[in-house]
Amino acid sequence: MTYVVLDPTNEAAPPVTQLAPRLPTLAGKKIGFISNGKVGTVGYFAHLERLLKAEMGASEVIMRLKSNASKPADDHIIEEILQWDVVIAGIGD
């Protein structure tokens, strides 16, 4: 009997990217949260919103909910991101 062993690794190299530059401050910035809709994000994002406003001086915090936890954000959310200074995506398992 012969066994065939398959290697599941991907040989393709990931694309070379550069991280966005770090903002010097969050004061006066518009921050958007993208939630996957799972229950664990509710309390976490609420607490983080309070901290960002009270301690970091964020001017506005926007919460958006994906229509499906396992898929990318919806097109209308992606379009809205262009108006935000910071994006925080979260999972709540």
PDB file of N, CA and C in Angstrom:
ATOM      1  N   MET A   1       0.845  -1.176   0.000  1.00  0.00           N
ATOM      2  CA  MET A   1       0.000   0.000   0.000  1.00  0.00           C
ATOM      3  C   MET A   1       0.897   1.248   0.000  1.00  0.00           C
ATOM      4  N   THR A   2       0.541   2.224  -0.821  1.00  0.00           N
ATOM      5  CA  THR A   2       1.307   3.465  -0.931  1.00  0.00           C
ATOM      6  C   THR A   2       0.505   4.612  -0.332  1.00  0.00           C
ATOM      7  N   TYR A   3       1.194   5.425   0.461  1.00  0.00           N
ATOM      8  CA  TYR A   3       0.568   6.611   1.043  1.00  0.00           C
ATOM      9  C   TYR A   3       1.100   7.852   0.330  1.00  0.00           C
ATOM     10  N   VAL A   4       0.214   8.761   0.004  1.00  0.00           N
ATOM     11  CA  VAL A   4       0.609  10.031  -0.588  1.00  0.00           C
ATOM     12  C   VAL A   4       0.459  11.096   0.488  1.00  0.00           C
ATOM     13  N   VAL A   5       1.550  11.796   0.764  1.00  0.00           N
ATOM     14  CA  VAL A   5       1.530  12.851   1.767  1.00  0.00           C
ATOM     15  C   VAL A   5       1.490  14.194   1.044  1.00  0.00           C
ATOM     16  N   LEU A   6       0.491  14.991   1.359  1.00  0.00           N
ATOM     17  CA  LEU A   6       0.337  16.299   0.733  1.00  0.00           C
ATOM     18  C   LEU A   6       0.831  17.391   1.676  1.00  0.00           C
ATOM     19  N   ASP A   7       1.455  18.399   1.111  1.00  0.00           N
ATOM     20  CA  ASP A   7       1.939  19.540   1.879  1.00  0.00           C
ATOM     21  C   ASP A   7       0.947  20.689   1.701  1.00  0.00           C
ATOM     22  N   PRO A   8       0.237  21.093   2.761  1.00  0.00           N
ATOM     23  CA  PRO A   8      -0.803  22.115   2.620  1.00  0.00           C
ATOM     24  C   PRO A   8      -0.281  23.558   2.646  1.00  0.00           C
ATOM     25  N   THR A   9       1.006  23.741   2.759  1.00  0.00           N
ATOM     26  CA  THR A   9       1.524  25.101   2.837  1.00  0.00           C
ATOM     27  C   THR A   9       1.428  25.807   1.492  1.00  0.00           C
ATOM     28  N   ASN A  10       1.311  27.101   1.554  1.00  0.00           N
ATOM     29  CA  ASN A  10       1.203  27.930   0.362  1.00  0.00           C
ATOM     30  C   ASN A  10       2.590  28.449  -0.001  1.00  0.00           C
ATOM     31  N   GLU A  11       3.014  28.202  -1.223  1.00  0.00           N
ATOM     32  CA  GLU A  11       4.349  28.637  -1.645  1.00  0.00           C
ATOM     33  C   GLU A  11       4.391  30.109  -2.022  1.00  0.00           C
ATOM     34  N   ALA A  12       3.245  30.727  -2.257  1.00  0.00           N
ATOM     35  CA  ALA A  12       3.228  32.128  -2.680  1.00  0.00           C
ATOM     36  C   ALA A  12       3.681  33.031  -1.539  1.00  0.00           C
ATOM     37  N   ALA A  13       4.541  33.972  -1.871  1.00  0.00           N
ATOM     38  CA  ALA A  13       5.007  34.937  -0.870  1.00  0.00           C
ATOM     39  C   ALA A  13       3.928  35.997  -0.669  1.00  0.00           C
ATOM     40  N   PRO A  14       3.699  36.426   0.569  1.00  0.00           N
ATOM     41  CA  PRO A  14       2.698  37.472   0.796  1.00  0.00           C
ATOM     42  C   PRO A  14       3.175  38.784   0.165  1.00  0.00           C
ATOM     43  N   PRO A  15       2.241  39.620  -0.260  1.00  0.00           N
ATOM     44  CA  PRO A  15       2.652  40.892  -0.865  1.00  0.00           C
ATOM     45  C   PRO A  15       3.358  41.776   0.160  1.00  0.00           C
ATOM     46  N   VAL A  16       4.322  42.517  -0.316  1.00  0.00           N
ATOM     47  CA  VAL A  16       5.053  43.434   0.559  1.00  0.00           C
ATOM     48  C   VAL A  16       4.190  44.673   0.753  1.00  0.00           C
ATOM     49  N   THR A  17       3.906  44.985   1.991  1.00  0.00           N
ATOM     50  CA  THR A  17       3.078  46.151   2.302  1.00  0.00           C
ATOM     51  C   THR A  17       3.786  47.019   3.323  1.00  0.00           C
ATOM     52  N   GLN A  18       3.271  48.192   3.480  1.00  0.00           N
ATOM     53  CA  GLN A  18       3.828  49.111   4.467  1.00  0.00           C
ATOM     54  C   GLN A  18       2.697  49.542   5.389  1.00  0.00           C
ATOM     55  N   LEU A  19       2.953  49.530   6.676  1.00  0.00           N
ATOM     56  CA  LEU A  19       1.948  49.959   7.635  1.00  0.00           C
ATOM     57  C   LEU A  19       1.696  51.453   7.491  1.00  0.00           C
ATOM     58  N   ALA A  20       0.483  51.859   7.797  1.00  0.00           N
ATOM     59  CA  ALA A  20       0.171  53.286   7.797  1.00  0.00           C
ATOM     60  C   ALA A  20       0.980  53.960   8.894  1.00  0.00           C
ATOM     61  N   PRO A  21       1.380  55.209   8.686  1.00  0.00           N
ATOM     62  CA  PRO A  21       2.149  55.896   9.727  1.00  0.00           C
ATOM     63  C   PRO A  21       1.312  56.087  10.992  1.00  0.00           C
ATOM     64  N   ARG A  22       1.955  56.004  12.119  1.00  0.00           N
ATOM     65  CA  ARG A  22       1.288  56.174  13.406  1.00  0.00           C
ATOM     66  C   ARG A  22       0.917  57.635  13.591  1.00  0.00           C
ATOM     67  N   LEU A  23      -0.310  57.877  14.057  1.00  0.00           N
ATOM     68  CA  LEU A  23      -0.730  59.241  14.340  1.00  0.00           C
ATOM     69  C   LEU A  23      -0.039  59.726  15.612  1.00  0.00           C
ATOM     70  N   PRO A  24       0.372  60.978  15.653  1.00  0.00           N
ATOM     71  CA  PRO A  24       1.032  61.474  16.865  1.00  0.00           C
ATOM     72  C   PRO A  24       0.077  61.599  18.048  1.00  0.00           C
ATOM     73  N   THR A  25      -1.221  61.760  17.771  1.00  0.00           N
ATOM     74  CA  THR A  25      -2.219  61.898  18.829  1.00  0.00           C
ATOM     75  C   THR A  25      -3.584  61.463  18.291  1.00  0.00           C
ATOM     76  N   LEU A  26      -4.459  61.079  19.190  1.00  0.00           N
ATOM     77  CA  LEU A  26      -5.834  60.763  18.819  1.00  0.00           C
ATOM     78  C   LEU A  26      -6.773  61.915  19.142  1.00  0.00           C
ATOM     79  N   ALA A  27      -6.239  62.980  19.733  1.00  0.00           N
ATOM     80  CA  ALA A  27      -7.047  64.146  20.078  1.00  0.00           C
ATOM     81  C   ALA A  27      -7.672  64.738  18.817  1.00  0.00           C
ATOM     82  N   GLY A  28      -8.985  64.939  18.879  1.00  0.00           N
ATOM     83  CA  GLY A  28      -9.697  65.532  17.769  1.00  0.00           C
ATOM     84  C   GLY A  28      -9.926  64.607  16.587  1.00  0.00           C
ATOM     85  N   LYS A  29      -9.572  63.350  16.708  1.00  0.00           N
ATOM     86  CA  LYS A  29      -9.697  62.408  15.585  1.00  0.00           C
ATOM     87  C   LYS A  29     -11.045  61.690  15.598  1.00  0.00           C
ATOM     88  N   LYS A  30     -11.480  61.302  14.404  1.00  0.00           N
ATOM     89  CA  LYS A  30     -12.697  60.512  14.226  1.00  0.00           C
ATOM     90  C   LYS A  30     -12.267  59.054  14.119  1.00  0.00           C
ATOM     91  N   ILE A  31     -12.779  58.239  15.037  1.00  0.00           N
ATOM     92  CA  ILE A  31     -12.376  56.838  15.124  1.00  0.00           C
ATOM     93  C   ILE A  31     -13.575  55.958  14.816  1.00  0.00           C
ATOM     94  N   GLY A  32     -13.393  55.004  13.922  1.00  0.00           N
ATOM     95  CA  GLY A  32     -14.464  54.093  13.562  1.00  0.00           C
ATOM     96  C   GLY A  32     -14.170  52.677  14.010  1.00  0.00           C
ATOM     97  N   PHE A  33     -15.183  52.056  14.602  1.00  0.00           N
ATOM     98  CA  PHE A  33     -15.106  50.649  14.979  1.00  0.00           C
ATOM     99  C   PHE A  33     -15.878  49.833  13.956  1.00  0.00           C
ATOM    100  N   ILE A  34     -15.315  48.721  13.532  1.00  0.00           N
ATOM    101  CA  ILE A  34     -16.038  47.766  12.704  1.00  0.00           C
ATOM    102  C   ILE A  34     -16.167  46.490  13.524  1.00  0.00           C
ATOM    103  N   SER A  35     -17.397  46.185  13.899  1.00  0.00           N
ATOM    104  CA  SER A  35     -17.669  45.023  14.732  1.00  0.00           C
ATOM    105  C   SER A  35     -18.134  43.858  13.878  1.00  0.00           C
ATOM    106  N   ASN A  36     -17.739  42.671  14.284  1.00  0.00           N
ATOM    107  CA  ASN A  36     -18.218  41.476  13.577  1.00  0.00           C
ATOM    108  C   ASN A  36     -19.596  41.054  14.074  1.00  0.00           C
ATOM    109  N   GLY A  37     -20.117  41.757  15.060  1.00  0.00           N
ATOM    110  CA  GLY A  37     -21.462  41.499  15.540  1.00  0.00           C
ATOM    111  C   GLY A  37     -21.571  40.455  16.631  1.00  0.00           C
ATOM    112  N   LYS A  38     -20.472  39.900  17.033  1.00  0.00           N
ATOM    113  CA  LYS A  38     -20.528  38.893  18.087  1.00  0.00           C
ATOM    114  C   LYS A  38     -20.628  39.593  19.438  1.00  0.00           C
ATOM    115  N   VAL A  39     -21.203  38.908  20.384  1.00  0.00           N
ATOM    116  CA  VAL A  39     -21.549  39.507  21.667  1.00  0.00           C
ATOM    117  C   VAL A  39     -20.329  40.082  22.408  1.00  0.00           C
ATOM    118  N   GLY A  40     -19.166  39.508  22.243  1.00  0.00           N
ATOM    119  CA  GLY A  40     -17.980  39.976  22.957  1.00  0.00           C
ATOM    120  C   GLY A  40     -17.511  41.364  22.574  1.00  0.00           C
ATOM    121  N   THR A  41     -17.913  41.860  21.417  1.00  0.00           N
ATOM    122  CA  THR A  41     -17.469  43.195  21.006  1.00  0.00           C
ATOM    123  C   THR A  41     -18.267  44.305  21.664  1.00  0.00           C
ATOM    124  N   VAL A  42     -19.480  44.043  22.092  1.00  0.00           N
ATOM    125  CA  VAL A  42     -20.363  45.096  22.604  1.00  0.00           C
ATOM    126  C   VAL A  42     -19.744  45.817  23.797  1.00  0.00           C
ATOM    127  N   GLY A  43     -19.462  45.106  24.851  1.00  0.00           N
ATOM    128  CA  GLY A  43     -18.880  45.710  26.052  1.00  0.00           C
ATOM    129  C   GLY A  43     -17.482  46.252  25.825  1.00  0.00           C
ATOM    130  N   TYR A  44     -16.691  45.517  25.062  1.00  0.00           N
ATOM    131  CA  TYR A  44     -15.316  45.930  24.794  1.00  0.00           C
ATOM    132  C   TYR A  44     -15.279  47.259  24.041  1.00  0.00           C
ATOM    133  N   PHE A  45     -16.054  47.368  22.980  1.00  0.00           N
ATOM    134  CA  PHE A  45     -16.048  48.609  22.207  1.00  0.00           C
ATOM    135  C   PHE A  45     -16.646  49.767  22.995  1.00  0.00           C
ATOM    136  N   ALA A  46     -17.653  49.519  23.819  1.00  0.00           N
ATOM    137  CA  ALA A  46     -18.237  50.578  24.647  1.00  0.00           C
ATOM    138  C   ALA A  46     -17.183  51.117  25.620  1.00  0.00           C
ATOM    139  N   HIS A  47     -16.440  50.225  26.249  1.00  0.00           N
ATOM    140  CA  HIS A  47     -15.382  50.637  27.174  1.00  0.00           C
ATOM    141  C   HIS A  47     -14.266  51.377  26.430  1.00  0.00           C
ATOM    142  N   LEU A  48     -13.878  50.863  25.303  1.00  0.00           N
ATOM    143  CA  LEU A  48     -12.823  51.498  24.518  1.00  0.00           C
ATOM    144  C   LEU A  48     -13.250  52.882  24.037  1.00  0.00           C
ATOM    145  N   GLU A  49     -14.513  53.040  23.672  1.00  0.00           N
ATOM    146  CA  GLU A  49     -15.015  54.350  23.252  1.00  0.00           C
ATOM    147  C   GLU A  49     -14.881  55.366  24.386  1.00  0.00           C
ATOM    148  N   ARG A  50     -15.266  54.972  25.603  1.00  0.00           N
ATOM    149  CA  ARG A  50     -15.136  55.875  26.754  1.00  0.00           C
ATOM    150  C   ARG A  50     -13.684  56.284  26.969  1.00  0.00           C
ATOM    151  N   LEU A  51     -12.769  55.330  26.890  1.00  0.00           N
ATOM    152  CA  LEU A  51     -11.353  55.640  27.077  1.00  0.00           C
ATOM    153  C   LEU A  51     -10.818  56.565  25.987  1.00  0.00           C
ATOM    154  N   LEU A  52     -11.176  56.287  24.749  1.00  0.00           N
ATOM    155  CA  LEU A  52     -10.679  57.095  23.638  1.00  0.00           C
ATOM    156  C   LEU A  52     -11.142  58.543  23.743  1.00  0.00           C
ATOM    157  N   LYS A  53     -12.377  58.749  24.182  1.00  0.00           N
ATOM    158  CA  LYS A  53     -12.888  60.110  24.324  1.00  0.00           C
ATOM    159  C   LYS A  53     -12.344  60.792  25.577  1.00  0.00           C
ATOM    160  N   ALA A  54     -12.406  60.114  26.711  1.00  0.00           N
ATOM    161  CA  ALA A  54     -12.022  60.727  27.985  1.00  0.00           C
ATOM    162  C   ALA A  54     -10.518  60.887  28.148  1.00  0.00           C
ATOM    163  N   GLU A  55      -9.742  59.897  27.750  1.00  0.00           N
ATOM    164  CA  GLU A  55      -8.307  59.927  28.009  1.00  0.00           C
ATOM    165  C   GLU A  55      -7.466  60.320  26.806  1.00  0.00           C
ATOM    166  N   MET A  56      -7.983  60.095  25.605  1.00  0.00           N
ATOM    167  CA  MET A  56      -7.200  60.394  24.402  1.00  0.00           C
ATOM    168  C   MET A  56      -7.742  61.588  23.622  1.00  0.00           C
ATOM    169  N   GLY A  57      -8.913  62.081  23.999  1.00  0.00           N
ATOM    170  CA  GLY A  57      -9.464  63.266  23.356  1.00  0.00           C
ATOM    171  C   GLY A  57     -10.061  63.058  21.978  1.00  0.00           C
ATOM    172  N   ALA A  58     -10.425  61.827  21.650  1.00  0.00           N
ATOM    173  CA  ALA A  58     -11.051  61.571  20.350  1.00  0.00           C
ATOM    174  C   ALA A  58     -12.326  62.402  20.242  1.00  0.00           C
ATOM    175  N   SER A  59     -12.555  62.983  19.077  1.00  0.00           N
ATOM    176  CA  SER A  59     -13.723  63.842  18.909  1.00  0.00           C
ATOM    177  C   SER A  59     -14.998  63.052  18.641  1.00  0.00           C
ATOM    178  N   GLU A  60     -14.860  61.922  17.977  1.00  0.00           N
ATOM    179  CA  GLU A  60     -16.037  61.144  17.609  1.00  0.00           C
ATOM    180  C   GLU A  60     -15.654  59.683  17.476  1.00  0.00           C
ATOM    181  N   VAL A  61     -16.538  58.814  17.942  1.00  0.00           N
ATOM    182  CA  VAL A  61     -16.352  57.377  17.771  1.00  0.00           C
ATOM    183  C   VAL A  61     -17.596  56.835  17.076  1.00  0.00           C
ATOM    184  N   ILE A  62     -17.380  56.149  15.980  1.00  0.00           N
ATOM    185  CA  ILE A  62     -18.463  55.629  15.151  1.00  0.00           C
ATOM    186  C   ILE A  62     -18.428  54.107  15.207  1.00  0.00           C
ATOM    187  N   MET A  63     -19.576  53.499  15.396  1.00  0.00           N
ATOM    188  CA  MET A  63     -19.665  52.038  15.433  1.00  0.00           C
ATOM    189  C   MET A  63     -20.412  51.543  14.203  1.00  0.00           C
ATOM    190  N   ARG A  64     -19.813  50.620  13.499  1.00  0.00           N
ATOM    191  CA  ARG A  64     -20.472  49.993  12.360  1.00  0.00           C
ATOM    192  C   ARG A  64     -20.430  48.484  12.549  1.00  0.00           C
ATOM    193  N   LEU A  65     -21.498  47.827  12.142  1.00  0.00           N
ATOM    194  CA  LEU A  65     -21.665  46.395  12.330  1.00  0.00           C
ATOM    195  C   LEU A  65     -21.692  45.702  10.973  1.00  0.00           C
ATOM    196  N   LYS A  66     -20.805  44.723  10.804  1.00  0.00           N
ATOM    197  CA  LYS A  66     -20.810  43.941   9.570  1.00  0.00           C
ATOM    198  C   LYS A  66     -22.075  43.101   9.503  1.00  0.00           C
ATOM    199  N   SER A  67     -22.547  42.847   8.288  1.00  0.00           N
ATOM    200  CA  SER A  67     -23.756  42.035   8.130  1.00  0.00           C
ATOM    201  C   SER A  67     -23.482  40.548   8.304  1.00  0.00           C
ATOM    202  N   ASN A  68     -22.214  40.156   8.191  1.00  0.00           N
ATOM    203  CA  ASN A  68     -21.849  38.754   8.334  1.00  0.00           C
ATOM    204  C   ASN A  68     -20.471  38.686   8.998  1.00  0.00           C
ATOM    205  N   ALA A  69     -20.394  38.015  10.123  1.00  0.00           N
ATOM    206  CA  ALA A  69     -19.155  37.982  10.899  1.00  0.00           C
ATOM    207  C   ALA A  69     -17.979  37.361  10.149  1.00  0.00           C
ATOM    208  N   SER A  70     -18.249  36.462   9.233  1.00  0.00           N
ATOM    209  CA  SER A  70     -17.158  35.733   8.581  1.00  0.00           C
ATOM    210  C   SER A  70     -16.753  36.311   7.225  1.00  0.00           C
ATOM    211  N   LYS A  71     -17.350  37.442   6.848  1.00  0.00           N
ATOM    212  CA  LYS A  71     -17.028  38.055   5.553  1.00  0.00           C
ATOM    213  C   LYS A  71     -16.418  39.436   5.762  1.00  0.00           C
ATOM    214  N   PRO A  72     -15.785  39.985   4.733  1.00  0.00           N
ATOM    215  CA  PRO A  72     -15.261  41.354   4.848  1.00  0.00           C
ATOM    216  C   PRO A  72     -16.381  42.356   5.107  1.00  0.00           C
ATOM    217  N   ALA A  73     -15.999  43.542   5.519  1.00  0.00           N
ATOM    218  CA  ALA A  73     -16.981  44.595   5.775  1.00  0.00           C
ATOM    219  C   ALA A  73     -17.763  44.911   4.503  1.00  0.00           C
ATOM    220  N   ASP A  74     -19.002  45.317   4.682  1.00  0.00           N
ATOM    221  CA  ASP A  74     -19.880  45.656   3.566  1.00  0.00           C
ATOM    222  C   ASP A  74     -19.357  46.887   2.824  1.00  0.00           C
ATOM    223  N   ASP A  75     -19.738  47.005   1.560  1.00  0.00           N
ATOM    224  CA  ASP A  75     -19.246  48.090   0.720  1.00  0.00           C
ATOM    225  C   ASP A  75     -19.529  49.471   1.304  1.00  0.00           C
ATOM    226  N   HIS A  76     -20.721  49.669   1.879  1.00  0.00           N
ATOM    227  CA  HIS A  76     -21.039  50.986   2.432  1.00  0.00           C
ATOM    228  C   HIS A  76     -20.140  51.336   3.623  1.00  0.00           C
ATOM    229  N   ILE A  77     -19.696  50.325   4.363  1.00  0.00           N
ATOM    230  CA  ILE A  77     -18.764  50.568   5.471  1.00  0.00           C
ATOM    231  C   ILE A  77     -17.385  50.908   4.914  1.00  0.00           C
ATOM    232  N   ILE A  78     -16.941  50.187   3.921  1.00  0.00           N
ATOM    233  CA  ILE A  78     -15.637  50.448   3.300  1.00  0.00           C
ATOM    234  C   ILE A  78     -15.590  51.876   2.757  1.00  0.00           C
ATOM    235  N   GLU A  79     -16.663  52.328   2.130  1.00  0.00           N
ATOM    236  CA  GLU A  79     -16.716  53.692   1.606  1.00  0.00           C
ATOM    237  C   GLU A  79     -16.645  54.716   2.734  1.00  0.00           C
ATOM    238  N   GLU A  80     -17.305  54.425   3.843  1.00  0.00           N
ATOM    239  CA  GLU A  80     -17.337  55.355   4.971  1.00  0.00           C
ATOM    240  C   GLU A  80     -15.974  55.476   5.654  1.00  0.00           C
ATOM    241  N   ILE A  81     -15.186  54.418   5.602  1.00  0.00           N
ATOM    242  CA  ILE A  81     -13.863  54.420   6.244  1.00  0.00           C
ATOM    243  C   ILE A  81     -13.007  55.597   5.771  1.00  0.00           C
ATOM    244  N   LEU A  82     -13.192  56.001   4.536  1.00  0.00           N
ATOM    245  CA  LEU A  82     -12.403  57.116   3.990  1.00  0.00           C
ATOM    246  C   LEU A  82     -12.595  58.400   4.781  1.00  0.00           C
ATOM    247  N   GLN A  83     -13.674  58.503   5.546  1.00  0.00           N
ATOM    248  CA  GLN A  83     -13.950  59.700   6.343  1.00  0.00           C
ATOM    249  C   GLN A  83     -13.391  59.602   7.765  1.00  0.00           C
ATOM    250  N   TRP A  84     -12.836  58.469   8.113  1.00  0.00           N
ATOM    251  CA  TRP A  84     -12.332  58.257   9.471  1.00  0.00           C
ATOM    252  C   TRP A  84     -10.819  58.458   9.516  1.00  0.00           C
ATOM    253  N   ASP A  85     -10.327  58.866  10.673  1.00  0.00           N
ATOM    254  CA  ASP A  85      -8.880  58.998  10.870  1.00  0.00           C
ATOM    255  C   ASP A  85      -8.263  57.678  11.316  1.00  0.00           C
ATOM    256  N   VAL A  86      -9.034  56.875  12.027  1.00  0.00           N
ATOM    257  CA  VAL A  86      -8.554  55.610  12.594  1.00  0.00           C
ATOM    258  C   VAL A  86      -9.644  54.557  12.423  1.00  0.00           C
ATOM    259  N   VAL A  87      -9.253  53.321  12.134  1.00  0.00           N
ATOM    260  CA  VAL A  87     -10.206  52.216  12.048  1.00  0.00           C
ATOM    261  C   VAL A  87      -9.757  51.128  13.015  1.00  0.00           C
ATOM    262  N   ILE A  88     -10.697  50.648  13.805  1.00  0.00           N
ATOM    263  CA  ILE A  88     -10.435  49.543  14.720  1.00  0.00           C
ATOM    264  C   ILE A  88     -11.424  48.439  14.368  1.00  0.00           C
ATOM    265  N   ALA A  89     -10.911  47.297  13.979  1.00  0.00           N
ATOM    266  CA  ALA A  89     -11.761  46.153  13.668  1.00  0.00           C
ATOM    267  C   ALA A  89     -11.662  45.172  14.815  1.00  0.00           C
ATOM    268  N   GLY A  90     -12.782  44.555  15.173  1.00  0.00           N
ATOM    269  CA  GLY A  90     -12.742  43.672  16.316  1.00  0.00           C
ATOM    270  C   GLY A  90     -13.552  42.414  16.141  1.00  0.00           C
ATOM    271  N   ILE A  91     -13.121  41.420  16.872  1.00  0.00           N
ATOM    272  CA  ILE A  91     -13.863  40.179  16.936  1.00  0.00           C
ATOM    273  C   ILE A  91     -14.236  39.939  18.389  1.00  0.00           C
ATOM    274  N   GLY A  92     -15.313  39.252  18.606  1.00  0.00           N
ATOM    275  CA  GLY A  92     -15.786  39.096  19.972  1.00  0.00           C
ATOM    276  C   GLY A  92     -16.118  37.692  20.376  1.00  0.00           C
ATOM    277  N   ASP A  93     -15.286  36.762  20.066  1.00  0.00           N
ATOM    278  CA  ASP A  93     -15.545  35.382  20.471  1.00  0.00           C
ATOM    279  C   ASP A  93     -15.108  35.153  21.906  1.00  0.00           C
TER     280      ASP A  93
END
